[in-house]
N, C-alpha and C. Protein backbone atom coordinates (compact mmCIF):
# COMPACT_ATOMS: atom_id res chain seq x y z
N MET A 1 0.82 -1.43 -0.19
CA MET A 1 -0.13 0.13 0.04
C MET A 1 0.83 1.38 0.37
N ILE A 2 0.57 2.14 -0.92
CA ILE A 2 1.51 3.17 -1.04
C ILE A 2 0.82 4.52 -0.43
N ARG A 3 1.53 5.26 0.64
CA ARG A 3 0.97 6.62 1.27
C ARG A 3 1.80 7.89 0.34
N VAL A 4 1.12 8.80 0.29
CA VAL A 4 1.49 9.81 -0.15
C VAL A 4 1.34 10.98 0.79
N ASN A 5 2.52 11.86 1.07
CA ASN A 5 2.38 12.94 2.24
C ASN A 5 1.89 14.16 1.55
N LEU A 6 0.79 14.32 1.57
CA LEU A 6 0.30 15.74 1.05
C LEU A 6 0.56 16.75 1.53
N THR A 7 0.43 16.73 3.08
CA THR A 7 0.89 17.81 3.89
C THR A 7 2.09 18.70 3.65
N GLY A 8 3.02 17.88 3.39
CA GLY A 8 4.36 18.71 3.36
C GLY A 8 4.36 19.35 2.04
N ALA A 9 3.84 19.04 0.98
CA ALA A 9 3.73 19.45 -0.10
C ALA A 9 3.08 20.96 -0.13
N GLU A 10 1.67 20.87 0.79
CA GLU A 10 1.06 22.00 0.71
C GLU A 10 1.88 23.42 1.47
N ARG A 11 2.63 22.53 2.54
CA ARG A 11 3.36 23.63 3.47
C ARG A 11 4.56 24.34 2.75
N ALA A 12 5.08 23.47 1.78
CA ALA A 12 6.11 24.13 1.00
C ALA A 12 5.62 25.11 -0.11
N ALA A 13 4.22 24.64 -0.54
CA ALA A 13 3.86 25.79 -1.52
C ALA A 13 3.24 27.03 -0.91
N GLN A 14 3.07 26.60 0.39
CA GLN A 14 2.58 28.29 1.23
C GLN A 14 3.78 28.91 1.33
N LYS A 15 4.87 28.26 1.91
CA LYS A 15 5.93 28.94 2.15
C LYS A 15 6.64 29.64 0.87
N ARG A 16 6.46 29.11 0.04
CA ARG A 16 6.73 29.77 -1.26
C ARG A 16 6.18 30.73 -1.90
N THR A 17 4.79 30.89 -1.30
CA THR A 17 3.79 31.91 -1.77
C THR A 17 4.27 32.98 -0.86
N LYS A 18 4.36 32.88 0.54
CA LYS A 18 4.88 33.88 1.51
C LYS A 18 6.13 34.61 0.89
N THR A 19 7.10 33.96 0.53
CA THR A 19 8.42 34.42 0.32
C THR A 19 8.12 35.19 -1.00
N SER A 20 7.22 34.97 -2.02
CA SER A 20 7.29 35.64 -3.04
C SER A 20 6.32 37.07 -3.08
N THR A 21 5.53 36.86 -1.74
CA THR A 21 4.49 38.06 -1.80
C THR A 21 5.25 39.40 -1.48
N PRO A 22 4.77 40.65 -2.15
CA PRO A 22 5.51 42.01 -1.89
C PRO A 22 4.89 42.53 -0.57
N GLY A 23 5.56 43.59 -0.15
CA GLY A 23 5.41 44.50 1.03
C GLY A 23 4.29 44.66 1.00
N THR A 24 3.61 44.72 2.16
CA THR A 24 2.21 45.25 2.72
C THR A 24 1.93 46.59 2.69
N PRO A 25 0.76 47.27 2.19
CA PRO A 25 0.15 48.73 2.19
C PRO A 25 0.71 49.48 3.40
N GLY A 26 0.63 48.67 4.48
CA GLY A 26 0.76 49.33 5.83
C GLY A 26 2.38 50.20 5.78
N ALA A 27 3.24 49.26 5.41
CA ALA A 27 4.73 49.45 5.44
C ALA A 27 5.09 50.83 4.54
N VAL A 28 4.29 50.80 3.58
CA VAL A 28 4.44 51.62 2.08
C VAL A 28 4.20 53.09 2.90
N GLN A 29 2.74 52.96 3.54
CA GLN A 29 2.21 54.34 4.33
C GLN A 29 3.25 54.94 5.30
N ALA A 30 3.58 54.07 5.78
CA ALA A 30 4.68 54.27 6.62
C ALA A 30 5.84 55.22 6.38
N TYR A 31 6.48 54.53 5.26
CA TYR A 31 7.63 55.06 4.71
C TYR A 31 7.39 56.60 4.42
N LEU A 32 6.07 56.60 3.52
CA LEU A 32 5.80 57.97 2.99
C LEU A 32 5.36 59.05 3.85
N PHE A 33 4.96 58.47 5.04
CA PHE A 33 4.71 59.59 6.33
C PHE A 33 5.91 60.25 7.03
N LEU A 34 6.83 59.20 7.12
CA LEU A 34 8.30 59.48 7.39
C LEU A 34 8.72 60.51 6.47
N ALA A 35 8.75 60.21 5.13
CA ALA A 35 9.06 61.09 4.30
C ALA A 35 8.69 62.49 4.14
N LEU A 36 7.32 62.68 4.40
CA LEU A 36 6.42 63.80 4.38
C LEU A 36 6.99 64.62 5.61
N PHE A 37 7.04 63.86 6.68
CA PHE A 37 7.06 64.79 7.94
C PHE A 37 8.49 65.13 8.04
N GLY A 38 9.60 64.31 7.49
CA GLY A 38 11.01 65.05 7.45
C GLY A 38 11.01 66.05 6.38
N GLY A 39 10.32 66.00 5.32
CA GLY A 39 10.20 66.93 4.42
C GLY A 39 10.00 68.45 5.08
N GLY A 40 8.55 68.25 5.82
CA GLY A 40 8.24 69.40 6.48
C GLY A 40 8.92 70.03 7.60
N ALA A 41 9.47 69.19 8.26
CA ALA A 41 10.24 69.67 9.41
C ALA A 41 11.76 70.19 8.59
N ALA A 42 12.11 69.74 7.58
CA ALA A 42 13.11 70.59 6.80
C ALA A 42 12.52 72.21 6.61
N LEU A 43 11.37 72.03 5.71
CA LEU A 43 10.91 73.25 5.33
C LEU A 43 10.48 74.14 6.87
N LEU A 44 10.33 73.68 7.74
CA LEU A 44 10.02 74.74 8.79
C LEU A 44 10.88 75.23 9.48
N CYS A 45 12.17 74.24 9.55
CA CYS A 45 13.31 74.84 10.04
C CYS A 45 13.89 76.01 8.97
N ALA A 46 13.92 75.67 7.45
CA ALA A 46 14.23 76.97 7.02
C ALA A 46 13.43 78.04 6.91
N ALA A 47 12.00 77.97 7.09
CA ALA A 47 11.28 79.24 7.45
C ALA A 47 11.91 79.77 8.62
N LEU A 48 12.02 78.98 9.70
CA LEU A 48 12.40 79.57 10.94
C LEU A 48 13.83 80.32 10.77
N TRP A 49 14.73 80.02 10.18
CA TRP A 49 15.77 80.28 9.97
C TRP A 49 15.69 81.71 9.17
N TRP A 50 15.20 81.37 7.96
CA TRP A 50 14.93 82.72 7.22
C TRP A 50 14.32 83.95 8.21
N TYR A 51 13.24 83.91 8.99
CA TYR A 51 12.99 84.61 9.61
C TYR A 51 13.51 85.18 10.53
N GLU A 52 14.26 84.48 11.61
CA GLU A 52 15.03 84.93 12.53
C GLU A 52 16.44 85.62 12.01
N SER A 53 16.92 85.32 10.71
CA SER A 53 17.76 86.12 9.87
C SER A 53 17.13 87.49 9.49
N ALA A 54 15.84 87.62 9.15
CA ALA A 54 15.57 88.83 8.71
C ALA A 54 15.25 89.80 10.02
N LYS A 55 14.88 89.03 11.18
CA LYS A 55 14.88 89.76 12.59
C LYS A 55 16.39 90.34 13.00
N ILE A 56 17.22 89.79 12.76
CA ILE A 56 18.66 89.99 12.79
C ILE A 56 19.15 91.28 12.28
N ARG A 57 18.90 90.99 10.85
CA ARG A 57 19.14 92.15 9.80
C ARG A 57 18.46 93.43 10.39
N ASP A 58 17.14 93.32 10.73
CA ASP A 58 16.29 94.46 10.97
C ASP A 58 16.97 95.19 12.09
N LEU A 59 17.03 94.21 13.29
CA LEU A 59 18.10 94.65 14.51
C LEU A 59 19.17 95.54 13.80
N ASP A 60 20.12 94.98 13.19
CA ASP A 60 21.28 95.44 12.96
C ASP A 60 21.13 97.09 12.54
N SER A 61 20.00 96.93 11.49
CA SER A 61 19.86 98.23 10.80
C SER A 61 19.27 99.38 12.11
N ARG A 62 18.43 98.93 12.77
CA ARG A 62 17.96 99.61 13.88
C ARG A 62 19.35 100.46 14.80
N ILE A 63 20.02 99.33 14.90
CA ILE A 63 21.31 99.70 15.70
C ILE A 63 22.31 100.84 14.90
N ALA A 64 22.47 100.55 14.01
CA ALA A 64 23.14 101.54 13.18
C ALA A 64 22.54 102.88 12.74
N VAL A 65 21.31 102.97 12.68
CA VAL A 65 20.90 104.24 12.66
C VAL A 65 20.71 104.91 13.90
N ALA A 66 20.50 104.07 15.14
CA ALA A 66 20.71 104.70 16.59
C ALA A 66 22.10 105.36 16.75
N GLU A 67 23.08 104.47 16.52
CA GLU A 67 24.40 104.86 16.76
C GLU A 67 24.68 105.97 15.80
N LYS A 68 24.32 106.41 14.61
CA LYS A 68 24.60 107.45 13.86
C LYS A 68 23.72 108.83 14.47
N ARG A 69 22.58 108.48 14.90
CA ARG A 69 21.86 109.43 16.05
C ARG A 69 22.66 109.85 16.89
N GLN A 70 23.09 108.94 17.65
CA GLN A 70 23.56 109.50 18.88
C GLN A 70 24.96 110.27 18.58
N LYS A 71 25.84 109.81 17.36
CA LYS A 71 26.79 110.77 17.20
C LYS A 71 26.59 112.05 16.68
N GLU A 72 25.42 112.23 15.92
CA GLU A 72 24.95 113.60 15.66
C GLU A 72 24.35 114.35 16.96
N LEU A 73 24.02 113.82 17.81
CA LEU A 73 23.31 114.33 19.11
C LEU A 73 24.66 114.74 19.96
N GLN A 74 25.67 114.01 20.11
CA GLN A 74 26.75 114.33 20.77
C GLN A 74 27.57 115.45 20.04
N ALA A 75 27.58 115.51 18.70
CA ALA A 75 28.14 116.95 18.16
C ALA A 75 27.55 118.06 18.44
N ILE A 76 25.87 117.83 18.56
CA ILE A 76 25.10 119.05 18.67
C ILE A 76 25.45 119.48 20.29
N LYS A 77 25.43 118.42 21.43
CA LYS A 77 25.83 118.93 22.85
C LYS A 77 27.03 119.37 22.93
N VAL A 78 28.04 119.15 22.02
CA VAL A 78 29.28 119.84 22.30
C VAL A 78 28.99 121.12 21.71
N GLN A 79 28.46 121.79 20.72
CA GLN A 79 28.36 122.95 20.31
C GLN A 79 27.66 123.71 21.34
N VAL A 80 26.45 123.07 21.87
CA VAL A 80 25.65 123.78 22.84
C VAL A 80 26.61 123.91 23.91
N ASP A 81 27.38 123.17 24.45
CA ASP A 81 28.29 123.51 25.84
C ASP A 81 29.09 124.51 25.57
N ALA A 82 29.78 124.79 24.17
CA ALA A 82 30.63 125.65 23.76
C ALA A 82 29.81 126.74 23.98
N LEU A 83 28.75 126.93 23.41
CA LEU A 83 27.80 128.23 23.54
C LEU A 83 27.51 128.87 24.73
N GLU A 84 27.09 127.68 25.85
CA GLU A 84 26.78 128.01 27.07
C GLU A 84 28.16 128.72 27.50
N ALA A 85 29.40 128.11 27.27
CA ALA A 85 30.58 128.47 28.03
C ALA A 85 30.91 130.00 27.52
N LYS A 86 30.57 130.25 26.22
CA LYS A 86 30.98 131.57 25.86
C LYS A 86 29.88 132.80 26.51
N ARG A 87 28.60 132.38 26.48
CA ARG A 87 27.80 133.10 26.91
C ARG A 87 28.00 133.61 28.48
N ALA A 88 28.21 132.38 29.21
CA ALA A 88 28.78 132.52 30.69
C ALA A 88 29.74 133.67 30.72
N THR A 89 30.85 133.49 30.10
CA THR A 89 32.09 134.13 30.06
C THR A 89 31.72 135.92 29.62
N PHE A 90 30.75 135.73 28.78
CA PHE A 90 30.50 137.36 28.30
C PHE A 90 29.63 137.98 29.43
N GLN A 91 28.61 137.11 30.05
CA GLN A 91 27.89 137.80 31.14
C GLN A 91 28.80 137.98 32.52
N LYS A 92 29.67 137.28 32.90
CA LYS A 92 30.47 137.76 33.78
C LYS A 92 31.27 138.94 33.26
N LYS A 93 31.62 139.41 32.05
CA LYS A 93 32.35 140.42 31.83
C LYS A 93 31.42 141.87 31.79
N VAL A 94 30.18 141.53 31.60
CA VAL A 94 29.20 142.50 31.54
C VAL A 94 28.99 142.71 33.14
N ASP A 95 28.77 142.06 33.84
CA ASP A 95 28.44 141.95 35.48
C ASP A 95 29.66 143.00 35.85
N LEU A 96 30.88 142.38 35.45
CA LEU A 96 32.11 142.82 35.97
C LEU A 96 32.24 144.60 35.83
N ILE A 97 31.57 144.87 34.43
CA ILE A 97 31.59 146.41 33.94
C ILE A 97 30.54 147.24 34.45
N GLU A 98 29.33 146.28 34.73
CA GLU A 98 28.19 147.13 35.83
C GLU A 98 28.75 147.62 36.95
N ARG A 99 29.17 146.48 37.63
CA ARG A 99 29.84 146.64 39.19
C ARG A 99 30.98 147.75 39.23
N LEU A 100 31.79 147.82 38.38
CA LEU A 100 32.62 148.91 38.35
C LEU A 100 32.06 150.38 37.99
N LYS A 101 31.08 150.25 37.25
CA LYS A 101 30.37 151.64 37.02
C LYS A 101 29.63 152.04 38.51
N ALA A 102 28.87 151.03 38.91
CA ALA A 102 28.03 151.20 40.24
C ALA A 102 29.12 151.71 41.28
N GLU A 103 30.29 151.11 41.39
CA GLU A 103 31.28 151.40 42.26
C GLU A 103 31.87 152.91 42.13
N GLN A 104 31.78 153.35 41.23
CA GLN A 104 32.46 154.65 40.67
C GLN A 104 31.53 155.77 41.33
N THR A 105 30.25 155.66 41.45
CA THR A 105 29.23 156.46 41.58
C THR A 105 28.17 156.08 42.80
N GLY A 106 28.85 154.94 43.41
CA GLY A 106 28.04 154.40 44.78
C GLY A 106 28.16 155.47 45.97
N PRO A 107 29.25 155.76 46.44
CA PRO A 107 29.34 156.67 47.54
C PRO A 107 28.71 157.85 47.33
N VAL A 108 28.58 158.48 46.22
CA VAL A 108 27.95 159.63 45.99
C VAL A 108 26.44 159.59 46.22
N HIS A 109 25.94 158.63 45.40
CA HIS A 109 24.33 158.52 45.53
C HIS A 109 23.96 157.90 46.99
N MET A 110 24.92 157.17 47.63
CA MET A 110 24.52 156.59 49.02
C MET A 110 24.38 157.85 50.06
N LEU A 111 25.49 158.42 49.75
CA LEU A 111 25.19 159.98 50.80
C LEU A 111 24.05 160.94 50.53
N ASP A 112 23.84 160.93 49.20
CA ASP A 112 22.80 161.79 48.83
C ASP A 112 21.58 161.19 49.24
N GLU A 113 21.20 159.76 48.70
CA GLU A 113 19.79 159.00 49.49
C GLU A 113 19.84 159.17 50.81
N ILE A 114 20.99 159.05 51.59
CA ILE A 114 20.72 159.03 53.01
C ILE A 114 20.54 160.28 53.75
N SER A 115 20.93 161.12 53.25
CA SER A 115 20.37 162.57 53.54
C SER A 115 19.16 163.02 53.44
N LYS A 116 18.65 162.58 52.30
CA LYS A 116 17.04 162.78 51.62
C LYS A 116 16.23 161.92 52.45
N ALA A 117 16.56 160.92 53.01
CA ALA A 117 15.65 159.83 53.62
C ALA A 117 15.64 160.20 55.14
N LEU A 118 16.51 160.79 55.75
CA LEU A 118 17.15 160.87 57.15
C LEU A 118 15.83 162.19 57.73
N PRO A 119 14.90 161.60 58.31
CA PRO A 119 13.85 162.48 58.89
C PRO A 119 14.38 163.22 60.12
N ASP A 120 13.46 164.18 60.41
CA ASP A 120 13.58 164.96 61.66
C ASP A 120 13.60 164.27 63.08
N PHE A 121 14.53 164.58 63.96
CA PHE A 121 14.51 163.88 65.02
C PHE A 121 15.44 162.53 64.94
N VAL A 122 15.93 162.43 63.74
CA VAL A 122 16.93 161.05 63.72
C VAL A 122 18.17 161.57 63.36
N TRP A 123 19.31 160.90 64.09
CA TRP A 123 20.62 161.31 63.63
C TRP A 123 21.52 160.32 63.70
N LEU A 124 22.65 160.43 62.65
CA LEU A 124 23.43 159.11 62.49
C LEU A 124 24.78 159.41 63.29
N THR A 125 25.25 158.33 63.87
CA THR A 125 26.51 158.77 64.62
C THR A 125 27.96 158.10 63.85
N ALA A 126 27.32 156.88 63.16
CA ALA A 126 28.49 156.13 62.38
C ALA A 126 27.76 155.42 61.51
N MET A 127 28.53 154.88 60.40
CA MET A 127 28.03 154.42 59.33
C MET A 127 29.32 153.73 58.78
N ASP A 128 28.92 152.23 58.69
CA ASP A 128 30.12 151.19 58.00
C ASP A 128 29.70 150.74 56.86
N GLN A 129 30.29 150.37 55.84
CA GLN A 129 30.10 149.88 54.64
C GLN A 129 31.14 148.55 54.50
N THR A 130 30.62 147.33 54.02
CA THR A 130 31.52 146.31 53.62
C THR A 130 30.79 145.78 52.52
N GLY A 131 31.31 146.09 51.54
CA GLY A 131 30.94 145.36 50.16
C GLY A 131 29.43 146.10 50.07
N PRO A 132 28.40 145.34 49.81
CA PRO A 132 27.11 145.95 49.74
C PRO A 132 26.41 145.88 50.87
N ASN A 133 26.71 145.72 52.11
CA ASN A 133 26.22 145.66 53.40
C ASN A 133 26.64 147.14 53.83
N VAL A 134 25.58 147.70 54.44
CA VAL A 134 25.76 148.97 55.42
C VAL A 134 25.17 148.81 56.84
N LYS A 135 25.87 149.44 57.60
CA LYS A 135 25.36 149.53 58.97
C LYS A 135 25.24 151.00 59.55
N PHE A 136 24.14 151.02 59.78
CA PHE A 136 23.90 152.36 60.29
C PHE A 136 23.82 152.75 61.94
N THR A 137 24.36 153.55 62.92
CA THR A 137 24.52 153.55 63.98
C THR A 137 23.92 155.28 64.12
N GLY A 138 22.88 155.07 65.24
CA GLY A 138 22.75 156.65 65.40
C GLY A 138 21.45 156.81 66.54
N GLU A 139 20.96 157.95 66.70
CA GLU A 139 20.16 158.29 67.65
C GLU A 139 18.63 158.77 67.30
N SER A 140 17.83 158.94 67.99
CA SER A 140 16.09 159.31 67.73
C SER A 140 15.61 159.69 68.93
N THR A 141 14.59 160.35 68.91
CA THR A 141 13.80 160.62 70.06
C THR A 141 12.71 159.55 70.12
N GLY A 142 12.67 158.81 69.11
CA GLY A 142 11.54 157.89 69.27
C GLY A 142 11.50 156.55 68.34
N LEU A 143 11.04 155.47 68.26
CA LEU A 143 10.95 154.50 67.58
C LEU A 143 10.04 154.86 66.19
N THR A 144 9.09 155.67 66.23
CA THR A 144 8.36 156.21 65.11
C THR A 144 9.27 156.86 64.21
N SER A 145 9.98 157.65 64.68
CA SER A 145 10.94 158.30 63.87
C SER A 145 11.96 157.23 63.05
N ILE A 146 12.29 156.25 63.71
CA ILE A 146 13.40 155.57 63.28
C ILE A 146 12.57 154.46 62.21
N ALA A 147 11.45 154.21 62.36
CA ALA A 147 10.47 153.53 61.40
C ALA A 147 10.43 154.30 60.18
N ASP A 148 10.22 155.73 60.36
CA ASP A 148 10.15 156.65 58.95
C ASP A 148 11.37 156.77 58.21
N PHE A 149 12.57 156.60 58.94
CA PHE A 149 13.93 156.46 58.61
C PHE A 149 14.01 155.16 57.65
N ILE A 150 13.42 154.15 58.31
CA ILE A 150 13.57 152.73 57.39
C ILE A 150 12.98 152.70 56.24
N ALA A 151 11.47 153.35 56.29
CA ALA A 151 10.71 153.30 55.17
C ALA A 151 11.20 154.25 54.01
N ALA A 152 11.87 155.42 54.42
CA ALA A 152 12.57 156.09 53.46
C ALA A 152 13.43 155.87 52.68
N LEU A 153 14.20 155.03 53.54
CA LEU A 153 15.57 154.62 52.75
C LEU A 153 15.11 153.19 51.85
N GLU A 154 14.22 152.44 52.14
CA GLU A 154 13.66 151.44 51.08
C GLU A 154 12.76 152.03 50.23
N ARG A 155 12.07 153.18 50.19
CA ARG A 155 11.43 153.94 49.18
C ARG A 155 12.37 154.45 47.82
N SER A 156 13.58 154.86 48.58
CA SER A 156 14.81 155.35 47.60
C SER A 156 15.08 154.41 46.50
N GLY A 157 14.88 152.95 46.74
CA GLY A 157 15.35 152.01 45.65
C GLY A 157 16.82 151.66 45.63
N TRP A 158 17.69 152.27 46.70
CA TRP A 158 18.86 152.01 46.78
C TRP A 158 19.16 151.25 47.88
N PHE A 159 18.34 151.11 48.74
CA PHE A 159 18.47 150.27 49.87
C PHE A 159 17.20 149.42 49.87
N PRO A 160 17.47 148.13 49.41
CA PRO A 160 16.10 147.21 49.04
C PRO A 160 15.85 146.66 50.60
N ASN A 161 16.92 146.16 51.42
CA ASN A 161 16.58 145.54 52.78
C ASN A 161 16.96 146.51 53.70
N VAL A 162 16.25 146.77 54.78
CA VAL A 162 16.51 147.84 55.84
C VAL A 162 16.04 146.76 57.13
N ASP A 163 16.88 146.60 58.13
CA ASP A 163 16.17 146.05 59.29
C ASP A 163 16.77 146.61 60.35
N LEU A 164 16.03 146.69 61.35
CA LEU A 164 16.48 147.39 62.80
C LEU A 164 16.87 146.05 63.43
N ALA A 165 18.22 146.12 63.77
CA ALA A 165 19.28 145.09 64.47
C ALA A 165 18.75 145.43 65.92
N SER A 166 18.84 146.50 66.50
CA SER A 166 18.84 146.74 67.72
C SER A 166 18.31 148.00 68.21
N SER A 167 17.75 148.30 69.51
CA SER A 167 17.19 149.78 69.69
C SER A 167 17.39 149.64 71.43
N VAL A 168 17.54 150.74 71.98
CA VAL A 168 17.87 150.72 73.32
C VAL A 168 17.50 152.20 73.58
N GLU A 169 16.71 152.47 74.51
CA GLU A 169 16.10 153.81 74.76
C GLU A 169 16.75 153.97 76.27
N ALA A 170 17.07 155.17 76.51
CA ALA A 170 17.62 155.97 77.99
C ALA A 170 17.35 157.25 77.87
N ASN A 171 16.84 157.89 78.71
CA ASN A 171 16.72 159.33 78.96
C ASN A 171 15.91 160.17 77.66
N ASN A 172 14.95 159.36 77.12
CA ASN A 172 14.25 159.49 76.23
C ASN A 172 14.74 159.80 74.86
N ILE A 173 16.00 158.94 74.86
CA ILE A 173 16.92 159.03 73.57
C ILE A 173 16.97 157.40 73.18
N VAL A 174 16.37 157.10 72.20
CA VAL A 174 16.75 155.73 71.55
C VAL A 174 18.13 155.69 70.73
N THR A 175 18.72 154.78 71.17
CA THR A 175 20.15 154.28 70.35
C THR A 175 19.86 153.15 69.50
N TYR A 176 20.03 153.34 68.06
CA TYR A 176 19.49 152.41 67.28
C TYR A 176 20.53 151.95 66.38
N VAL A 177 20.46 150.77 65.95
CA VAL A 177 21.61 149.99 64.83
C VAL A 177 20.57 149.44 63.62
N LEU A 178 21.08 149.83 62.34
CA LEU A 178 20.28 149.21 61.39
C LEU A 178 21.26 148.71 60.27
N ASN A 179 20.86 147.54 59.97
CA ASN A 179 21.67 146.70 58.84
C ASN A 179 20.65 147.01 57.45
N SER A 180 21.64 147.25 56.49
CA SER A 180 20.93 147.40 55.32
C SER A 180 21.89 146.96 53.98
N THR A 181 21.38 146.80 53.03
CA THR A 181 22.28 146.47 51.60
C THR A 181 21.96 147.40 50.98
N PHE A 182 23.11 147.92 50.04
CA PHE A 182 23.21 149.20 49.05
C PHE A 182 23.28 148.57 47.70
N MET A 183 22.41 148.99 46.73
CA MET A 183 22.73 148.70 45.55
C MET A 183 22.04 149.66 44.40
N ASN A 184 22.54 149.49 43.41
CA ASN A 184 21.97 150.74 42.56
C ASN A 184 20.88 150.11 41.81
N PRO A 185 19.38 150.49 42.08
CA PRO A 185 18.40 150.17 41.58
C PRO A 185 18.42 149.38 39.82
N GLU A 186 19.00 150.40 39.17
CA GLU A 186 19.22 149.78 37.76
C GLU A 186 20.14 148.62 37.61
N VAL A 187 21.10 148.58 38.33
CA VAL A 187 21.75 147.57 38.19
C VAL A 187 21.26 146.32 38.78
N ARG A 188 20.55 146.31 39.74
CA ARG A 188 19.68 145.26 40.39
C ARG A 188 18.60 144.57 39.41
N ALA A 189 17.99 145.56 38.92
CA ALA A 189 16.76 145.30 37.76
C ALA A 189 17.82 144.59 36.39
N LYS A 190 19.00 144.99 35.95
CA LYS A 190 19.52 144.25 35.06
C LYS A 190 20.11 142.98 35.25
N GLN A 191 20.40 142.71 36.74
CA GLN A 191 20.98 141.46 37.20
C GLN A 191 19.85 140.69 37.23
N ALA A 192 18.47 141.08 37.71
CA ALA A 192 17.40 140.28 37.70
C ALA A 192 17.02 139.74 36.14
N ALA A 193 17.13 140.70 35.25
CA ALA A 193 16.68 140.21 33.83
C ALA A 193 17.65 139.61 33.35
N ALA A 194 19.18 139.36 33.80
CA ALA A 194 20.03 138.69 33.04
C ALA A 194 19.95 137.04 33.98
N ALA A 195 19.62 137.36 35.06
CA ALA A 195 19.34 135.89 35.73
C ALA A 195 18.15 134.97 35.25
N ALA A 196 17.15 136.03 34.71
CA ALA A 196 15.87 135.36 34.02
C ALA A 196 16.08 134.94 33.01
N ALA A 197 17.01 135.49 32.19
CA ALA A 197 17.31 135.21 30.57
C ALA A 197 18.50 134.34 30.55
N ASN A 198 19.42 134.17 31.74
CA ASN A 198 20.55 133.53 31.65
C ASN A 198 20.28 131.78 32.00
N LYS A 199 19.06 131.55 31.75
CA LYS A 199 18.86 130.00 31.90
C LYS A 199 19.57 128.97 31.30
N PRO A 200 20.19 128.11 31.64
CA PRO A 200 21.02 127.02 30.93
C PRO A 200 19.96 126.50 29.73
N ILE A 201 20.64 126.50 28.46
CA ILE A 201 20.17 126.01 27.16
C ILE A 201 19.71 124.52 27.34
N PRO A 202 18.47 124.16 27.15
CA PRO A 202 17.99 122.77 27.23
C PRO A 202 18.76 121.89 26.38
N GLY A 203 19.30 120.68 27.12
CA GLY A 203 19.94 119.92 26.47
C GLY A 203 21.53 119.95 26.66
N SER A 204 22.09 121.28 27.38
CA SER A 204 23.49 121.37 27.72
C SER A 204 23.87 120.60 28.94
N THR A 205 25.08 120.58 29.31
CA THR A 205 25.98 120.12 30.51
C THR A 205 25.01 120.77 31.55
N ALA A 206 25.00 122.02 31.67
CA ALA A 206 24.69 123.03 32.90
C ALA A 206 23.15 122.56 32.95
N SER A 207 22.26 122.38 32.09
CA SER A 207 20.90 122.16 32.26
C SER A 207 20.65 120.81 32.70
N GLN A 208 21.48 119.76 32.35
CA GLN A 208 21.51 118.56 33.12
C GLN A 208 21.97 118.35 34.59
N ALA A 209 23.10 119.24 34.72
CA ALA A 209 23.40 119.48 36.38
C ALA A 209 22.39 120.11 37.16
N ALA A 210 21.76 121.37 36.67
CA ALA A 210 20.76 121.76 37.32
C ALA A 210 19.35 121.13 37.21
N ALA A 211 19.01 120.25 36.68
CA ALA A 211 17.71 119.40 36.64
C ALA A 211 17.73 118.63 38.01
N PRO A 212 16.54 118.70 38.37
CA PRO A 212 16.30 117.96 40.10
C PRO A 212 16.69 116.28 39.59
N LYS A 213 17.16 115.64 40.29
CA LYS A 213 17.32 114.18 40.41
C LYS A 213 16.23 113.50 41.01
N ARG A 214 15.96 112.61 40.20
CA ARG A 214 14.77 111.70 40.68
C ARG A 214 15.19 110.26 41.32
């Protein structure tokens, strides 16, 4: 009796069939997905690189413009400081000339104004001058007359500040001491106008030094 093993032949045929079968569709799709993902990532990296490069170029351009502007402002500041120094020097010369002119005619005007301001029953016993400061020492029959003397000196314009330093009454006689400043009213007005006009130029070193610190 002859026996044929058909099972082994079927297995061999199935093995050959499996060996010759091409790759499955799932593997192909995976390869395509990986290729597309890699290409997209590359494009994204290229786009990011281009965007960042553009930002860097724009920033470099702004820095260059700012540096140029800073140099221009520095040059202007140097010119302003030079102008401020020239103006200060000129003002000092003007002040010196005005002071010398005032000193030439000061004593004459002082004595004239004092004689006109001195009321009745008020006498001067001494007068001392140190620069613009003047000290009067004298006697009077009462404080009212001394007050009239102070008011007359201030009205003259030559004695802007007059203060009663002391007063002592004895035997119906008041001994007084007055402290005052003496200045030509025209010179004082010019100095006030110069001080108002001589404000530091905005942007100069002097204006920055005078500005309040926060």
